[in-house]
Amino acid sequence: MNQMEVNVHSFEDTFQLAEKLSKFLKAGDVIALEGDLGAGKTSFTKGLAKGLGIQRNVNSPTFTIIKEYHGRLPLYHMDVYRMKDSMEDLGFDEYFHGDGICVVEWAHIIEDQLPNNLLIIEIQYVDETSRKIQLRPIGERYKQVCEEFFHEYFSD
């Protein structure tokens, strides 16, 4: 399984897809979240947070780079967009191999710091309300996550 694709037609669809995906994630999982500005990366992360039982409002960590949220597992929400001109190492490795789930927006900017195995999720703008969401698992763990997730997602 190299890639899977889902078309969503509202914020709620994106949110619910991510909320369902959260059930299959565990500590140490890393999601590289890609997409243009306004594509729905933060909306996706809000759905993951809800699925993890996080009560706090989730918003983009643009100016702080990393925001931490606590639920059944910690969620480390990273926005590395502002690091594109910086070679600074902020200790991402500790998060990537830690006790929570990492979501990295604009992950390609720190590609050399990402773990070898991760789940790449790209959200593409289709029109005002519709998006195409592609999941590309890298490594056996994420292939299994995607297979289980899609089996459940499409059986509803």
N, C-alpha and C. Protein backbone atom coordinates (compact mmCIF):
# COMPACT_ATOMS: atom_id res chain seq x y z
N MET A 1 0.84 -1.17 0.00
CA MET A 1 0.00 0.00 0.00
C MET A 1 0.89 1.24 0.00
N ASN A 2 0.96 1.92 -1.15
CA ASN A 2 1.84 3.08 -1.28
C ASN A 2 1.16 4.39 -0.96
N GLN A 3 -0.11 4.50 -1.31
CA GLN A 3 -0.82 5.76 -1.11
C GLN A 3 -2.32 5.51 -1.13
N MET A 4 -3.03 6.27 -0.31
CA MET A 4 -4.49 6.21 -0.28
C MET A 4 -5.02 7.62 -0.42
N GLU A 5 -6.22 7.71 -0.94
CA GLU A 5 -6.79 9.02 -1.18
C GLU A 5 -8.25 9.06 -0.74
N VAL A 6 -8.61 10.18 -0.12
CA VAL A 6 -9.99 10.40 0.32
C VAL A 6 -10.39 11.80 -0.11
N ASN A 7 -11.59 11.93 -0.64
CA ASN A 7 -12.13 13.25 -0.96
C ASN A 7 -13.10 13.65 0.14
N VAL A 8 -12.92 14.86 0.65
CA VAL A 8 -13.81 15.38 1.68
C VAL A 8 -14.47 16.65 1.14
N HIS A 9 -15.64 16.96 1.69
CA HIS A 9 -16.41 18.06 1.11
C HIS A 9 -16.79 19.14 2.12
N SER A 10 -16.16 19.09 3.30
CA SER A 10 -16.44 20.12 4.31
C SER A 10 -15.38 20.06 5.40
N PHE A 11 -15.34 21.11 6.20
CA PHE A 11 -14.49 21.12 7.39
C PHE A 11 -14.81 19.92 8.27
N GLU A 12 -16.10 19.64 8.43
CA GLU A 12 -16.55 18.54 9.28
C GLU A 12 -16.03 17.20 8.79
N ASP A 13 -16.03 16.99 7.47
CA ASP A 13 -15.49 15.75 6.90
C ASP A 13 -14.00 15.59 7.24
N THR A 14 -13.25 16.67 7.09
CA THR A 14 -11.81 16.64 7.40
C THR A 14 -11.61 16.33 8.87
N PHE A 15 -12.37 17.01 9.72
CA PHE A 15 -12.29 16.85 11.17
C PHE A 15 -12.60 15.40 11.55
N GLN A 16 -13.68 14.83 11.01
CA GLN A 16 -14.10 13.47 11.36
C GLN A 16 -13.11 12.42 10.85
N LEU A 17 -12.54 12.65 9.67
CA LEU A 17 -11.54 11.72 9.14
C LEU A 17 -10.36 11.65 10.10
N ALA A 18 -9.88 12.80 10.53
CA ALA A 18 -8.74 12.84 11.46
C ALA A 18 -9.11 12.26 12.82
N GLU A 19 -10.32 12.53 13.28
CA GLU A 19 -10.76 11.99 14.57
C GLU A 19 -10.75 10.46 14.52
N LYS A 20 -11.22 9.89 13.42
CA LYS A 20 -11.21 8.42 13.27
C LYS A 20 -9.79 7.88 13.19
N LEU A 21 -8.91 8.59 12.49
CA LEU A 21 -7.52 8.14 12.36
C LEU A 21 -6.84 8.08 13.73
N SER A 22 -7.19 8.98 14.61
CA SER A 22 -6.54 9.06 15.92
C SER A 22 -6.63 7.74 16.70
N LYS A 23 -7.68 6.96 16.45
CA LYS A 23 -7.86 5.68 17.16
C LYS A 23 -6.75 4.69 16.86
N PHE A 24 -6.08 4.87 15.74
CA PHE A 24 -5.06 3.92 15.30
C PHE A 24 -3.64 4.36 15.62
N LEU A 25 -3.52 5.52 16.24
CA LEU A 25 -2.20 6.06 16.52
C LEU A 25 -1.75 5.72 17.93
N LYS A 26 -0.43 5.69 18.10
CA LYS A 26 0.14 5.39 19.41
C LYS A 26 1.35 6.28 19.66
N ALA A 27 1.85 6.25 20.87
CA ALA A 27 3.00 7.06 21.25
C ALA A 27 4.16 6.82 20.29
N GLY A 28 4.81 7.91 19.89
CA GLY A 28 5.94 7.83 18.99
C GLY A 28 5.57 7.96 17.52
N ASP A 29 4.27 8.02 17.20
CA ASP A 29 3.86 8.16 15.80
C ASP A 29 4.11 9.61 15.34
N VAL A 30 4.51 9.72 14.07
CA VAL A 30 4.81 11.02 13.49
C VAL A 30 4.01 11.18 12.20
N ILE A 31 3.31 12.31 12.11
CA ILE A 31 2.54 12.64 10.91
C ILE A 31 3.14 13.90 10.30
N ALA A 32 3.57 13.78 9.05
CA ALA A 32 4.06 14.93 8.29
C ALA A 32 2.87 15.47 7.53
N LEU A 33 2.44 16.67 7.88
CA LEU A 33 1.21 17.24 7.32
C LEU A 33 1.56 18.35 6.33
N GLU A 34 1.19 18.12 5.08
CA GLU A 34 1.52 19.05 4.00
C GLU A 34 0.26 19.61 3.36
N GLY A 35 0.36 20.79 2.80
CA GLY A 35 -0.75 21.42 2.09
C GLY A 35 -0.57 22.92 2.07
N ASP A 36 -1.17 23.55 1.09
CA ASP A 36 -1.07 25.00 0.97
C ASP A 36 -1.73 25.69 2.16
N LEU A 37 -1.45 26.98 2.30
CA LEU A 37 -2.12 27.78 3.33
C LEU A 37 -3.63 27.67 3.13
N GLY A 38 -4.35 27.42 4.20
CA GLY A 38 -5.81 27.34 4.14
C GLY A 38 -6.36 26.02 3.63
N ALA A 39 -5.49 25.04 3.40
CA ALA A 39 -5.95 23.75 2.88
C ALA A 39 -6.70 22.94 3.93
N GLY A 40 -6.38 23.14 5.21
CA GLY A 40 -7.07 22.40 6.26
C GLY A 40 -6.15 21.64 7.20
N LYS A 41 -4.87 21.99 7.23
CA LYS A 41 -3.92 21.27 8.10
C LYS A 41 -4.30 21.42 9.58
N THR A 42 -4.63 22.62 9.99
CA THR A 42 -5.00 22.82 11.39
C THR A 42 -6.34 22.18 11.70
N SER A 43 -7.27 22.23 10.75
CA SER A 43 -8.56 21.55 10.95
C SER A 43 -8.35 20.05 11.14
N PHE A 44 -7.46 19.48 10.36
CA PHE A 44 -7.13 18.06 10.50
C PHE A 44 -6.58 17.79 11.89
N THR A 45 -5.67 18.65 12.34
CA THR A 45 -5.06 18.46 13.66
C THR A 45 -6.10 18.59 14.77
N LYS A 46 -7.07 19.48 14.60
CA LYS A 46 -8.15 19.62 15.58
C LYS A 46 -8.94 18.31 15.69
N GLY A 47 -9.18 17.64 14.57
CA GLY A 47 -9.87 16.35 14.60
C GLY A 47 -9.06 15.29 15.32
N LEU A 48 -7.75 15.25 15.07
CA LEU A 48 -6.89 14.31 15.80
C LEU A 48 -6.98 14.57 17.30
N ALA A 49 -6.90 15.85 17.66
CA ALA A 49 -6.95 16.22 19.07
C ALA A 49 -8.25 15.76 19.72
N LYS A 50 -9.36 15.98 19.05
CA LYS A 50 -10.65 15.53 19.61
C LYS A 50 -10.64 14.02 19.82
N GLY A 51 -10.11 13.28 18.83
CA GLY A 51 -10.05 11.83 18.95
C GLY A 51 -9.14 11.37 20.08
N LEU A 52 -8.18 12.20 20.45
CA LEU A 52 -7.28 11.88 21.56
C LEU A 52 -7.81 12.37 22.90
N GLY A 53 -9.02 12.93 22.88
CA GLY A 53 -9.65 13.39 24.13
C GLY A 53 -9.11 14.71 24.63
N ILE A 54 -8.52 15.50 23.75
CA ILE A 54 -7.97 16.80 24.15
C ILE A 54 -9.11 17.81 24.19
N GLN A 55 -9.22 18.50 25.32
CA GLN A 55 -10.31 19.44 25.53
C GLN A 55 -9.96 20.87 25.11
N ARG A 56 -8.68 21.21 25.14
CA ARG A 56 -8.25 22.58 24.80
C ARG A 56 -8.48 22.89 23.33
N ASN A 57 -8.66 24.16 23.04
CA ASN A 57 -8.77 24.60 21.65
C ASN A 57 -7.40 24.46 20.98
N VAL A 58 -7.38 23.84 19.82
CA VAL A 58 -6.15 23.65 19.05
C VAL A 58 -6.11 24.71 17.97
N ASN A 59 -4.98 25.41 17.92
CA ASN A 59 -4.77 26.38 16.84
C ASN A 59 -3.34 26.27 16.34
N SER A 60 -3.06 26.91 15.24
CA SER A 60 -1.76 26.79 14.61
C SER A 60 -0.65 27.35 15.51
N PRO A 61 0.43 26.60 15.66
CA PRO A 61 1.54 27.07 16.49
C PRO A 61 2.53 27.92 15.71
N THR A 62 2.07 28.66 14.73
CA THR A 62 2.93 29.40 13.81
C THR A 62 4.03 30.19 14.51
N PHE A 63 3.72 30.90 15.58
CA PHE A 63 4.72 31.75 16.20
C PHE A 63 5.47 31.07 17.35
N THR A 64 5.01 29.92 17.80
CA THR A 64 5.69 29.22 18.88
C THR A 64 6.38 27.96 18.40
N ILE A 65 6.17 27.54 17.20
CA ILE A 65 6.70 26.35 16.54
C ILE A 65 6.10 25.07 17.09
N ILE A 66 6.07 24.88 18.42
CA ILE A 66 5.52 23.64 18.99
C ILE A 66 4.50 23.99 20.07
N LYS A 67 3.33 23.38 19.97
CA LYS A 67 2.33 23.46 21.04
C LYS A 67 2.07 22.05 21.53
N GLU A 68 1.94 21.91 22.82
CA GLU A 68 1.69 20.61 23.43
C GLU A 68 0.28 20.58 23.99
N TYR A 69 -0.41 19.46 23.73
CA TYR A 69 -1.76 19.24 24.23
C TYR A 69 -1.79 17.87 24.90
N HIS A 70 -2.62 17.73 25.92
CA HIS A 70 -2.66 16.46 26.65
C HIS A 70 -4.05 15.86 26.66
N GLY A 71 -4.12 14.59 26.26
CA GLY A 71 -5.33 13.79 26.25
C GLY A 71 -4.94 12.38 26.59
N ARG A 72 -5.56 11.37 25.95
CA ARG A 72 -5.16 9.99 26.24
C ARG A 72 -3.69 9.77 25.87
N LEU A 73 -3.20 10.54 24.91
CA LEU A 73 -1.78 10.63 24.57
C LEU A 73 -1.47 12.11 24.35
N PRO A 74 -0.23 12.52 24.62
CA PRO A 74 0.12 13.91 24.29
C PRO A 74 0.12 14.10 22.77
N LEU A 75 -0.22 15.31 22.36
CA LEU A 75 -0.17 15.69 20.95
C LEU A 75 0.81 16.85 20.86
N TYR A 76 1.84 16.69 20.04
CA TYR A 76 2.82 17.73 19.80
C TYR A 76 2.57 18.28 18.41
N HIS A 77 2.02 19.47 18.35
CA HIS A 77 1.62 20.11 17.10
C HIS A 77 2.71 21.11 16.72
N MET A 78 3.39 20.83 15.61
CA MET A 78 4.52 21.65 15.19
C MET A 78 4.21 22.33 13.86
N ASP A 79 4.58 23.58 13.77
CA ASP A 79 4.48 24.32 12.52
C ASP A 79 5.88 24.86 12.24
N VAL A 80 6.57 24.24 11.29
CA VAL A 80 7.98 24.58 11.04
C VAL A 80 8.15 25.52 9.85
N TYR A 81 7.05 26.13 9.39
CA TYR A 81 7.11 27.01 8.24
C TYR A 81 8.15 28.11 8.41
N ARG A 82 8.22 28.71 9.57
CA ARG A 82 9.14 29.82 9.81
C ARG A 82 10.59 29.36 9.95
N MET A 83 10.83 28.08 9.89
CA MET A 83 12.20 27.57 10.01
C MET A 83 12.87 27.40 8.66
N LYS A 84 12.21 27.77 7.58
CA LYS A 84 12.75 27.49 6.25
C LYS A 84 14.09 28.17 5.99
N ASP A 85 14.40 29.23 6.69
CA ASP A 85 15.68 29.89 6.51
C ASP A 85 16.62 29.64 7.69
N SER A 86 16.26 28.68 8.52
CA SER A 86 17.04 28.41 9.72
C SER A 86 17.52 26.96 9.74
N MET A 87 18.71 26.77 10.20
CA MET A 87 19.23 25.40 10.33
C MET A 87 19.24 24.99 11.81
N GLU A 88 18.53 25.73 12.62
CA GLU A 88 18.50 25.47 14.06
C GLU A 88 17.87 24.12 14.37
N ASP A 89 18.50 23.39 15.27
CA ASP A 89 17.96 22.12 15.73
C ASP A 89 17.26 22.38 17.06
N LEU A 90 15.95 22.20 17.07
CA LEU A 90 15.16 22.49 18.28
C LEU A 90 14.85 21.25 19.10
N GLY A 91 15.58 20.17 18.86
CA GLY A 91 15.35 18.97 19.64
C GLY A 91 14.13 18.18 19.21
N PHE A 92 13.79 18.26 17.93
CA PHE A 92 12.62 17.54 17.42
C PHE A 92 12.73 16.05 17.69
N ASP A 93 13.94 15.52 17.65
CA ASP A 93 14.15 14.09 17.83
C ASP A 93 13.56 13.59 19.15
N GLU A 94 13.64 14.40 20.18
CA GLU A 94 13.07 14.02 21.48
C GLU A 94 11.56 13.87 21.39
N TYR A 95 10.94 14.73 20.62
CA TYR A 95 9.49 14.62 20.42
C TYR A 95 9.16 13.41 19.54
N PHE A 96 9.91 13.23 18.46
CA PHE A 96 9.62 12.15 17.51
C PHE A 96 9.72 10.77 18.15
N HIS A 97 10.54 10.64 19.16
CA HIS A 97 10.71 9.34 19.82
C HIS A 97 10.18 9.38 21.25
N GLY A 98 9.25 10.29 21.50
CA GLY A 98 8.74 10.49 22.84
C GLY A 98 7.45 9.74 23.12
N ASP A 99 6.69 10.28 24.05
CA ASP A 99 5.51 9.61 24.57
C ASP A 99 4.21 10.07 23.92
N GLY A 100 4.31 10.84 22.85
CA GLY A 100 3.10 11.36 22.23
C GLY A 100 3.08 11.18 20.73
N ILE A 101 2.13 11.85 20.12
CA ILE A 101 1.97 11.85 18.67
C ILE A 101 2.42 13.21 18.17
N CYS A 102 3.26 13.22 17.14
CA CYS A 102 3.75 14.47 16.56
C CYS A 102 3.05 14.73 15.23
N VAL A 103 2.54 15.93 15.09
CA VAL A 103 2.00 16.40 13.82
C VAL A 103 2.87 17.57 13.40
N VAL A 104 3.50 17.43 12.24
CA VAL A 104 4.43 18.45 11.77
C VAL A 104 3.88 19.09 10.50
N GLU A 105 3.41 20.34 10.62
CA GLU A 105 2.95 21.08 9.44
C GLU A 105 4.17 21.62 8.70
N TRP A 106 4.14 21.55 7.36
CA TRP A 106 5.24 21.97 6.49
C TRP A 106 6.48 21.10 6.74
N ALA A 107 6.28 19.83 6.98
CA ALA A 107 7.35 18.91 7.38
C ALA A 107 8.51 18.85 6.39
N HIS A 108 8.25 19.09 5.11
CA HIS A 108 9.33 19.01 4.12
C HIS A 108 10.47 19.98 4.44
N ILE A 109 10.19 21.03 5.20
CA ILE A 109 11.20 22.02 5.54
C ILE A 109 12.27 21.43 6.45
N ILE A 110 11.90 20.48 7.29
CA ILE A 110 12.88 19.84 8.18
C ILE A 110 13.07 18.36 7.81
N GLU A 111 12.95 18.07 6.54
CA GLU A 111 12.99 16.69 6.06
C GLU A 111 14.19 15.90 6.60
N ASP A 112 15.34 16.55 6.70
CA ASP A 112 16.54 15.87 7.18
C ASP A 112 16.49 15.54 8.67
N GLN A 113 15.54 16.11 9.41
CA GLN A 113 15.40 15.84 10.84
C GLN A 113 14.26 14.85 11.14
N LEU A 114 13.46 14.53 10.14
CA LEU A 114 12.32 13.63 10.34
C LEU A 114 12.79 12.19 10.50
N PRO A 115 12.02 11.38 11.22
CA PRO A 115 12.36 9.96 11.30
C PRO A 115 12.16 9.28 9.95
N ASN A 116 12.79 8.13 9.78
CA ASN A 116 12.70 7.39 8.51
C ASN A 116 11.30 6.85 8.26
N ASN A 117 10.58 6.53 9.32
CA ASN A 117 9.22 5.99 9.20
C ASN A 117 8.24 7.02 9.73
N LEU A 118 7.23 7.31 8.91
CA LEU A 118 6.22 8.30 9.30
C LEU A 118 5.03 8.19 8.35
N LEU A 119 4.01 8.94 8.65
CA LEU A 119 2.83 8.99 7.80
C LEU A 119 2.75 10.40 7.21
N ILE A 120 2.84 10.47 5.87
CA ILE A 120 2.73 11.75 5.18
C ILE A 120 1.27 11.94 4.78
N ILE A 121 0.70 13.05 5.19
CA ILE A 121 -0.68 13.38 4.83
C ILE A 121 -0.64 14.71 4.10
N GLU A 122 -1.10 14.68 2.85
CA GLU A 122 -1.13 15.90 2.05
C GLU A 122 -2.58 16.28 1.79
N ILE A 123 -2.90 17.51 2.11
CA ILE A 123 -4.25 18.02 1.89
C ILE A 123 -4.21 19.00 0.73
N GLN A 124 -4.95 18.69 -0.32
CA GLN A 124 -4.95 19.52 -1.51
C GLN A 124 -6.30 20.21 -1.67
N TYR A 125 -6.24 21.49 -1.92
CA TYR A 125 -7.42 22.32 -2.17
C TYR A 125 -8.04 21.89 -3.50
N VAL A 126 -9.34 21.58 -3.50
CA VAL A 126 -10.07 21.27 -4.73
C VAL A 126 -10.97 22.45 -5.09
N ASP A 127 -11.79 22.87 -4.13
CA ASP A 127 -12.60 24.08 -4.29
C ASP A 127 -12.90 24.62 -2.89
N GLU A 128 -13.78 25.58 -2.80
CA GLU A 128 -14.04 26.27 -1.54
C GLU A 128 -14.27 25.33 -0.36
N THR A 129 -14.96 24.23 -0.58
CA THR A 129 -15.27 23.32 0.53
C THR A 129 -14.63 21.94 0.39
N SER A 130 -14.18 21.56 -0.78
CA SER A 130 -13.68 20.21 -1.01
C SER A 130 -12.15 20.14 -0.98
N ARG A 131 -11.66 19.02 -0.45
CA ARG A 131 -10.23 18.76 -0.38
C ARG A 131 -9.97 17.31 -0.77
N LYS A 132 -8.78 17.08 -1.32
CA LYS A 132 -8.30 15.71 -1.57
C LYS A 132 -7.22 15.45 -0.52
N ILE A 133 -7.41 14.38 0.25
CA ILE A 133 -6.46 14.05 1.30
C ILE A 133 -5.75 12.76 0.91
N GLN A 134 -4.44 12.84 0.78
CA GLN A 134 -3.62 11.68 0.42
C GLN A 134 -2.83 11.24 1.64
N LEU A 135 -2.86 9.95 1.91
CA LEU A 135 -2.07 9.37 2.98
C LEU A 135 -1.00 8.48 2.36
N ARG A 136 0.27 8.79 2.68
CA ARG A 136 1.39 8.00 2.17
C ARG A 136 2.18 7.44 3.34
N PRO A 137 1.97 6.16 3.64
CA PRO A 137 2.70 5.55 4.75
C PRO A 137 4.14 5.22 4.36
N ILE A 138 5.07 5.56 5.23
CA ILE A 138 6.47 5.22 5.04
C ILE A 138 6.85 4.29 6.20
N GLY A 139 7.02 3.02 5.89
CA GLY A 139 7.35 2.02 6.91
C GLY A 139 6.16 1.12 7.21
N GLU A 140 6.48 -0.07 7.69
CA GLU A 140 5.45 -1.09 7.94
C GLU A 140 4.42 -0.65 8.97
N ARG A 141 4.84 0.03 10.02
CA ARG A 141 3.90 0.49 11.06
C ARG A 141 2.80 1.35 10.44
N TYR A 142 3.18 2.26 9.58
CA TYR A 142 2.20 3.19 9.01
C TYR A 142 1.38 2.55 7.89
N LYS A 143 1.94 1.57 7.23
CA LYS A 143 1.14 0.81 6.25
C LYS A 143 0.01 0.09 6.97
N GLN A 144 0.34 -0.51 8.12
CA GLN A 144 -0.67 -1.21 8.92
C GLN A 144 -1.73 -0.23 9.42
N VAL A 145 -1.30 0.93 9.91
CA VAL A 145 -2.23 1.95 10.39
C VAL A 145 -3.20 2.32 9.27
N CYS A 146 -2.67 2.58 8.08
CA CYS A 146 -3.52 2.99 6.95
C CYS A 146 -4.49 1.88 6.55
N GLU A 147 -4.02 0.66 6.50
CA GLU A 147 -4.90 -0.45 6.13
C GLU A 147 -6.05 -0.60 7.12
N GLU A 148 -5.74 -0.57 8.41
CA GLU A 148 -6.77 -0.70 9.45
C GLU A 148 -7.73 0.50 9.41
N PHE A 149 -7.17 1.69 9.27
CA PHE A 149 -7.98 2.90 9.22
C PHE A 149 -8.93 2.87 8.03
N PHE A 150 -8.42 2.56 6.86
CA PHE A 150 -9.28 2.58 5.67
C PHE A 150 -10.33 1.47 5.72
N HIS A 151 -9.97 0.34 6.30
CA HIS A 151 -10.97 -0.73 6.45
C HIS A 151 -12.14 -0.23 7.29
N GLU A 152 -11.83 0.42 8.41
CA GLU A 152 -12.88 0.92 9.28
C GLU A 152 -13.59 2.13 8.67
N TYR A 153 -12.82 3.05 8.08
CA TYR A 153 -13.39 4.28 7.54
C TYR A 153 -14.41 4.01 6.46
N PHE A 154 -14.08 3.07 5.58
CA PHE A 154 -14.98 2.80 4.46
C PHE A 154 -16.04 1.74 4.78
N SER A 155 -16.00 1.15 5.97
CA SER A 155 -17.05 0.21 6.34
C SER A 155 -18.18 0.89 7.09
N ASP A 156 -17.97 2.17 7.44
CA ASP A 156 -19.05 2.94 8.14
C ASP A 156 -20.16 3.31 7.21
